[in-house]
Amino acid sequence: MRIKLFVTALALLASLTVNAQTSVKIGWTNVDHILQNLPDFKDIQTKLSTERAQYEKLFNEKLAEYQKLVEDYQKNAATMSEVIRKDKEKVIQNKQNELQELQQNSEAALTAKQQELLSPVMDKIQKGIEEVAKENNYTIVLNSDAGYGTTPVILVAPDADNITEKVFKKLGVTVPAASK
């Protein structure tokens, strides 16, 4: 048993030594910067703004209905019978619940729509990064930003290892000099 354990440990150590001798080339990029400068992203923002405006319009219409119910109730509560007052309170409570549900569903729908629209663009960026990494022999590429669901994993790095411009070129995007 000890011999098997020793042989296994020795084999593991040997494989780690071989892997340690392989050269590692690390590059970095700014995925958020790439995303914000793609023409597709501007289209996505427009679509999301339009959809958000539609949800806001619907919410504001429902909110106005709710406010009118509350206003009517407050104005007439003193003259209402107990049964009618309780009925109006129930209607107001239901309308308030509808508003909360509409708001939650709208936010969820917008988040899902954003994910649906961004997913192919993020896949395109990922493919571009992978191709640039392969062409330039990078074994690891890190992300330097924290936008649109990405996590920053780099705090300081030499500019010589920044592959962002190469990714733009691979994606066929010309970035204005001011945004570089």
C-alpha atoms as a PDB file:
ATOM      1  CA  MET A   1       0.000   0.000   0.000  1.00  0.00           C
ATOM      2  CA  ARG A   2       2.804   2.411   0.948  1.00  0.00           C
ATOM      3  CA  ILE A   3       4.662   1.578  -2.241  1.00  0.00           C
ATOM      4  CA  LYS A   4       1.587   2.383  -4.374  1.00  0.00           C
ATOM      5  CA  LEU A   5       1.137   5.679  -2.534  1.00  0.00           C
ATOM      6  CA  PHE A   6       4.835   6.515  -2.977  1.00  0.00           C
ATOM      7  CA  VAL A   7       4.767   5.672  -6.702  1.00  0.00           C
ATOM      8  CA  THR A   8       1.602   7.765  -7.192  1.00  0.00           C
ATOM      9  CA  ALA A   9       3.140  10.723  -5.348  1.00  0.00           C
ATOM     10  CA  LEU A  10       6.348  10.375  -7.365  1.00  0.00           C
ATOM     11  CA  ALA A  11       4.405  10.320 -10.652  1.00  0.00           C
ATOM     12  CA  LEU A  12       2.416  13.393  -9.589  1.00  0.00           C
ATOM     13  CA  LEU A  13       5.606  15.228  -8.629  1.00  0.00           C
ATOM     14  CA  ALA A  14       7.214  14.325 -11.960  1.00  0.00           C
ATOM     15  CA  SER A  15       4.224  15.647 -13.908  1.00  0.00           C
ATOM     16  CA  LEU A  16       4.276  18.908 -11.937  1.00  0.00           C
ATOM     17  CA  THR A  17       7.972  19.325 -12.689  1.00  0.00           C
ATOM     18  CA  VAL A  18       7.362  18.831 -16.416  1.00  0.00           C
ATOM     19  CA  ASN A  19       4.484  21.347 -16.364  1.00  0.00           C
ATOM     20  CA  ALA A  20       6.567  23.876 -14.445  1.00  0.00           C
ATOM     21  CA  GLN A  21       9.157  23.871 -17.227  1.00  0.00           C
ATOM     22  CA  THR A  22       6.580  24.909 -19.837  1.00  0.00           C
ATOM     23  CA  SER A  23       6.826  28.644 -20.494  1.00  0.00           C
ATOM     24  CA  VAL A  24       3.830  30.735 -19.576  1.00  0.00           C
ATOM     25  CA  LYS A  25       2.978  33.887 -21.483  1.00  0.00           C
ATOM     26  CA  ILE A  26       0.349  36.061 -19.830  1.00  0.00           C
ATOM     27  CA  GLY A  27      -1.600  38.766 -21.613  1.00  0.00           C
ATOM     28  CA  TRP A  28      -4.466  40.959 -20.557  1.00  0.00           C
ATOM     29  CA  THR A  29      -7.364  42.803 -22.110  1.00  0.00           C
ATOM     30  CA  ASN A  30     -10.254  45.065 -21.185  1.00  0.00           C
ATOM     31  CA  VAL A  31     -13.438  43.213 -22.153  1.00  0.00           C
ATOM     32  CA  ASP A  32     -15.710  46.084 -21.115  1.00  0.00           C
ATOM     33  CA  HIS A  33     -13.770  48.519 -23.335  1.00  0.00           C
ATOM     34  CA  ILE A  34     -14.050  46.113 -26.257  1.00  0.00           C
ATOM     35  CA  LEU A  35     -17.769  45.600 -25.661  1.00  0.00           C
ATOM     36  CA  GLN A  36     -18.554  49.314 -25.421  1.00  0.00           C
ATOM     37  CA  ASN A  37     -16.810  50.020 -28.707  1.00  0.00           C
ATOM     38  CA  LEU A  38     -18.548  47.352 -30.775  1.00  0.00           C
ATOM     39  CA  PRO A  39     -21.308  48.554 -33.113  1.00  0.00           C
ATOM     40  CA  ASP A  40     -23.449  45.621 -31.905  1.00  0.00           C
ATOM     41  CA  PHE A  41     -23.352  47.025 -28.368  1.00  0.00           C
ATOM     42  CA  LYS A  42     -24.818  50.353 -29.424  1.00  0.00           C
ATOM     43  CA  ASP A  43     -27.712  48.491 -31.091  1.00  0.00           C
ATOM     44  CA  ILE A  44     -28.238  46.461 -27.919  1.00  0.00           C
ATOM     45  CA  GLN A  45     -28.348  49.617 -25.809  1.00  0.00           C
ATOM     46  CA  THR A  46     -30.966  51.112 -28.132  1.00  0.00           C
ATOM     47  CA  LYS A  47     -33.125  47.979 -27.993  1.00  0.00           C
ATOM     48  CA  LEU A  48     -32.881  47.798 -24.206  1.00  0.00           C
ATOM     49  CA  SER A  49     -33.694  51.503 -23.825  1.00  0.00           C
ATOM     50  CA  THR A  50     -36.781  51.087 -26.003  1.00  0.00           C
ATOM     51  CA  GLU A  51     -37.960  48.084 -24.021  1.00  0.00           C
ATOM     52  CA  ARG A  52     -37.220  49.825 -20.706  1.00  0.00           C
ATOM     53  CA  ALA A  53     -39.271  52.841 -21.837  1.00  0.00           C
ATOM     54  CA  GLN A  54     -42.217  50.563 -22.661  1.00  0.00           C
ATOM     55  CA  TYR A  55     -42.098  48.978 -19.198  1.00  0.00           C
ATOM     56  CA  GLU A  56     -41.808  52.402 -17.550  1.00  0.00           C
ATOM     57  CA  LYS A  57     -44.814  53.678 -19.495  1.00  0.00           C
ATOM     58  CA  LEU A  58     -46.903  50.679 -18.450  1.00  0.00           C
ATOM     59  CA  PHE A  59     -45.753  51.023 -14.836  1.00  0.00           C
ATOM     60  CA  ASN A  60     -46.578  54.742 -14.772  1.00  0.00           C
ATOM     61  CA  GLU A  61     -50.063  54.044 -16.161  1.00  0.00           C
ATOM     62  CA  LYS A  62     -50.682  51.425 -13.461  1.00  0.00           C
ATOM     63  CA  LEU A  63     -49.224  53.751 -10.821  1.00  0.00           C
ATOM     64  CA  ALA A  64     -51.627  56.527 -11.853  1.00  0.00           C
ATOM     65  CA  GLU A  65     -54.547  54.089 -11.505  1.00  0.00           C
ATOM     66  CA  TYR A  66     -53.313  53.095  -8.043  1.00  0.00           C
ATOM     67  CA  GLN A  67     -52.857  56.706  -6.940  1.00  0.00           C
ATOM     68  CA  LYS A  68     -56.371  57.570  -8.131  1.00  0.00           C
ATOM     69  CA  LEU A  69     -57.805  54.669  -6.128  1.00  0.00           C
ATOM     70  CA  VAL A  70     -55.933  55.798  -3.009  1.00  0.00           C
ATOM     71  CA  GLU A  71     -56.986  59.415  -3.502  1.00  0.00           C
ATOM     72  CA  ASP A  72     -60.656  58.457  -3.969  1.00  0.00           C
ATOM     73  CA  TYR A  73     -60.490  56.207  -0.928  1.00  0.00           C
ATOM     74  CA  GLN A  74     -58.953  58.908   1.277  1.00  0.00           C
ATOM     75  CA  LYS A  75     -61.460  61.485   0.102  1.00  0.00           C
ATOM     76  CA  ASN A  76     -64.505  59.262   0.668  1.00  0.00           C
ATOM     77  CA  ALA A  77     -63.421  56.909   3.482  1.00  0.00           C
ATOM     78  CA  ALA A  78     -65.293  58.839   6.164  1.00  0.00           C
ATOM     79  CA  THR A  79     -68.625  58.443   4.365  1.00  0.00           C
ATOM     80  CA  MET A  80     -68.185  54.783   3.317  1.00  0.00           C
ATOM     81  CA  SER A  81     -69.875  51.908   5.057  1.00  0.00           C
ATOM     82  CA  GLU A  82     -67.613  49.325   6.693  1.00  0.00           C
ATOM     83  CA  VAL A  83     -68.215  46.765   3.916  1.00  0.00           C
ATOM     84  CA  ILE A  84     -67.487  49.207   1.080  1.00  0.00           C
ATOM     85  CA  ARG A  85     -64.408  50.591   2.879  1.00  0.00           C
ATOM     86  CA  LYS A  86     -62.963  47.084   3.369  1.00  0.00           C
ATOM     87  CA  ASP A  87     -63.733  46.250  -0.257  1.00  0.00           C
ATOM     88  CA  LYS A  88     -61.936  49.419  -1.451  1.00  0.00           C
ATOM     89  CA  GLU A  89     -58.954  48.626   0.816  1.00  0.00           C
ATOM     90  CA  LYS A  90     -58.766  45.159  -0.697  1.00  0.00           C
ATOM     91  CA  VAL A  91     -58.866  46.616  -4.231  1.00  0.00           C
ATOM     92  CA  ILE A  92     -56.092  49.086  -3.301  1.00  0.00           C
ATOM     93  CA  GLN A  93     -53.981  46.308  -1.769  1.00  0.00           C
ATOM     94  CA  ASN A  94     -54.429  44.159  -4.885  1.00  0.00           C
ATOM     95  CA  LYS A  95     -53.443  47.082  -7.121  1.00  0.00           C
ATOM     96  CA  GLN A  96     -50.346  47.688  -4.963  1.00  0.00           C
ATOM     97  CA  ASN A  97     -49.410  44.006  -5.275  1.00  0.00           C
ATOM     98  CA  GLU A  98     -49.892  44.233  -9.059  1.00  0.00           C
ATOM     99  CA  LEU A  99     -47.521  47.212  -9.160  1.00  0.00           C
ATOM    100  CA  GLN A 100     -44.855  45.362  -7.196  1.00  0.00           C
ATOM    101  CA  GLU A 101     -45.244  42.283  -9.368  1.00  0.00           C
ATOM    102  CA  LEU A 102     -45.088  44.359 -12.552  1.00  0.00           C
ATOM    103  CA  GLN A 103     -41.915  46.059 -11.349  1.00  0.00           C
ATOM    104  CA  GLN A 104     -40.251  42.749 -10.453  1.00  0.00           C
ATOM    105  CA  ASN A 105     -41.320  41.085 -13.698  1.00  0.00           C
ATOM    106  CA  SER A 106     -40.163  44.090 -15.737  1.00  0.00           C
ATOM    107  CA  GLU A 107     -36.735  44.033 -14.111  1.00  0.00           C
ATOM    108  CA  ALA A 108     -36.437  40.280 -14.638  1.00  0.00           C
ATOM    109  CA  ALA A 109     -37.540  40.586 -18.270  1.00  0.00           C
ATOM    110  CA  LEU A 110     -35.040  43.386 -18.926  1.00  0.00           C
ATOM    111  CA  THR A 111     -32.236  41.393 -17.324  1.00  0.00           C
ATOM    112  CA  ALA A 112     -33.142  38.338 -19.401  1.00  0.00           C
ATOM    113  CA  LYS A 113     -33.342  40.448 -22.576  1.00  0.00           C
ATOM    114  CA  GLN A 114     -29.954  42.014 -21.823  1.00  0.00           C
ATOM    115  CA  GLN A 115     -28.448  38.565 -21.319  1.00  0.00           C
ATOM    116  CA  GLU A 116     -30.078  37.290 -24.515  1.00  0.00           C
ATOM    117  CA  LEU A 117     -28.742  40.212 -26.562  1.00  0.00           C
ATOM    118  CA  LEU A 118     -25.281  40.336 -24.963  1.00  0.00           C
ATOM    119  CA  SER A 119     -24.575  36.615 -25.027  1.00  0.00           C
ATOM    120  CA  PRO A 120     -23.713  36.353 -28.752  1.00  0.00           C
ATOM    121  CA  VAL A 121     -21.606  39.525 -28.564  1.00  0.00           C
ATOM    122  CA  MET A 122     -19.714  38.249 -25.521  1.00  0.00           C
ATOM    123  CA  ASP A 123     -19.181  34.938 -27.337  1.00  0.00           C
ATOM    124  CA  LYS A 124     -17.779  36.877 -30.307  1.00  0.00           C
ATOM    125  CA  ILE A 125     -15.403  38.779 -28.000  1.00  0.00           C
ATOM    126  CA  GLN A 126     -14.350  35.543 -26.292  1.00  0.00           C
ATOM    127  CA  LYS A 127     -13.616  33.932 -29.652  1.00  0.00           C
ATOM    128  CA  GLY A 128     -11.563  36.967 -30.708  1.00  0.00           C
ATOM    129  CA  ILE A 129      -9.561  36.838 -27.477  1.00  0.00           C
ATOM    130  CA  GLU A 130      -8.940  33.115 -27.907  1.00  0.00           C
ATOM    131  CA  GLU A 131      -7.758  33.586 -31.508  1.00  0.00           C
ATOM    132  CA  VAL A 132      -5.410  36.450 -30.575  1.00  0.00           C
ATOM    133  CA  ALA A 133      -4.067  34.432 -27.647  1.00  0.00           C
ATOM    134  CA  LYS A 134      -3.404  31.432 -29.877  1.00  0.00           C
ATOM    135  CA  GLU A 135      -1.802  33.503 -32.667  1.00  0.00           C
ATOM    136  CA  ASN A 136       0.487  35.293 -30.187  1.00  0.00           C
ATOM    137  CA  ASN A 137       1.279  32.260 -27.998  1.00  0.00           C
ATOM    138  CA  TYR A 138      -0.420  33.555 -24.857  1.00  0.00           C
ATOM    139  CA  THR A 139      -1.171  30.733 -22.437  1.00  0.00           C
ATOM    140  CA  ILE A 140      -3.263  32.920 -20.118  1.00  0.00           C
ATOM    141  CA  VAL A 141      -5.286  36.080 -20.823  1.00  0.00           C
ATOM    142  CA  LEU A 142      -6.690  38.046 -17.894  1.00  0.00           C
ATOM    143  CA  ASN A 143      -9.469  40.637 -17.788  1.00  0.00           C
ATOM    144  CA  SER A 144      -8.715  44.073 -16.337  1.00  0.00           C
ATOM    145  CA  ASP A 145     -12.254  45.406 -15.880  1.00  0.00           C
ATOM    146  CA  ALA A 146     -15.487  44.648 -14.035  1.00  0.00           C
ATOM    147  CA  GLY A 147     -18.264  45.555 -16.440  1.00  0.00           C
ATOM    148  CA  TYR A 148     -21.243  43.599 -17.794  1.00  0.00           C
ATOM    149  CA  GLY A 149     -20.840  40.514 -15.673  1.00  0.00           C
ATOM    150  CA  THR A 150     -17.085  40.203 -16.006  1.00  0.00           C
ATOM    151  CA  THR A 151     -14.748  40.081 -13.049  1.00  0.00           C
ATOM    152  CA  PRO A 152     -11.484  42.000 -12.817  1.00  0.00           C
ATOM    153  CA  VAL A 153      -8.566  39.718 -12.146  1.00  0.00           C
ATOM    154  CA  ILE A 154      -5.674  42.053 -12.817  1.00  0.00           C
ATOM    155  CA  LEU A 155      -4.582  45.136 -10.953  1.00  0.00           C
ATOM    156  CA  VAL A 156      -1.222  45.972 -12.505  1.00  0.00           C
ATOM    157  CA  ALA A 157       0.310  44.759 -15.765  1.00  0.00           C
ATOM    158  CA  PRO A 158       2.731  46.043 -18.384  1.00  0.00           C
ATOM    159  CA  ASP A 159       1.111  47.661 -21.428  1.00  0.00           C
ATOM    160  CA  ALA A 160       3.201  45.408 -23.667  1.00  0.00           C
ATOM    161  CA  ASP A 161       1.004  42.482 -22.587  1.00  0.00           C
ATOM    162  CA  ASN A 162      -2.264  44.309 -23.365  1.00  0.00           C
ATOM    163  CA  ILE A 163      -3.923  42.494 -26.281  1.00  0.00           C
ATOM    164  CA  THR A 164      -7.039  44.706 -26.429  1.00  0.00           C
ATOM    165  CA  GLU A 165      -6.019  46.437 -29.673  1.00  0.00           C
ATOM    166  CA  LYS A 166      -5.217  43.083 -31.279  1.00  0.00           C
ATOM    167  CA  VAL A 167      -8.683  41.823 -30.308  1.00  0.00           C
ATOM    168  CA  PHE A 168     -10.273  44.928 -31.859  1.00  0.00           C
ATOM    169  CA  LYS A 169      -8.327  44.242 -35.040  1.00  0.00           C
ATOM    170  CA  LYS A 170      -9.377  40.572 -35.004  1.00  0.00           C
ATOM    171  CA  LEU A 171     -13.034  41.637 -34.627  1.00  0.00           C
ATOM    172  CA  GLY A 172     -12.668  44.156 -37.454  1.00  0.00           C
ATOM    173  CA  VAL A 173     -13.428  47.157 -35.240  1.00  0.00           C
ATOM    174  CA  THR A 174     -11.680  50.499 -35.550  1.00  0.00           C
ATOM    175  CA  VAL A 175     -11.636  52.342 -32.245  1.00  0.00           C
ATOM    176  CA  PRO A 176     -11.533  56.145 -32.207  1.00  0.00           C
ATOM    177  CA  ALA A 177      -8.231  57.434 -30.830  1.00  0.00           C
ATOM    178  CA  ALA A 178      -9.984  59.253 -27.960  1.00  0.00           C
ATOM    179  CA  SER A 179     -11.357  56.006 -26.498  1.00  0.00           C
ATOM    180  CA  LYS A 180      -8.117  54.015 -26.582  1.00  0.00           C
END
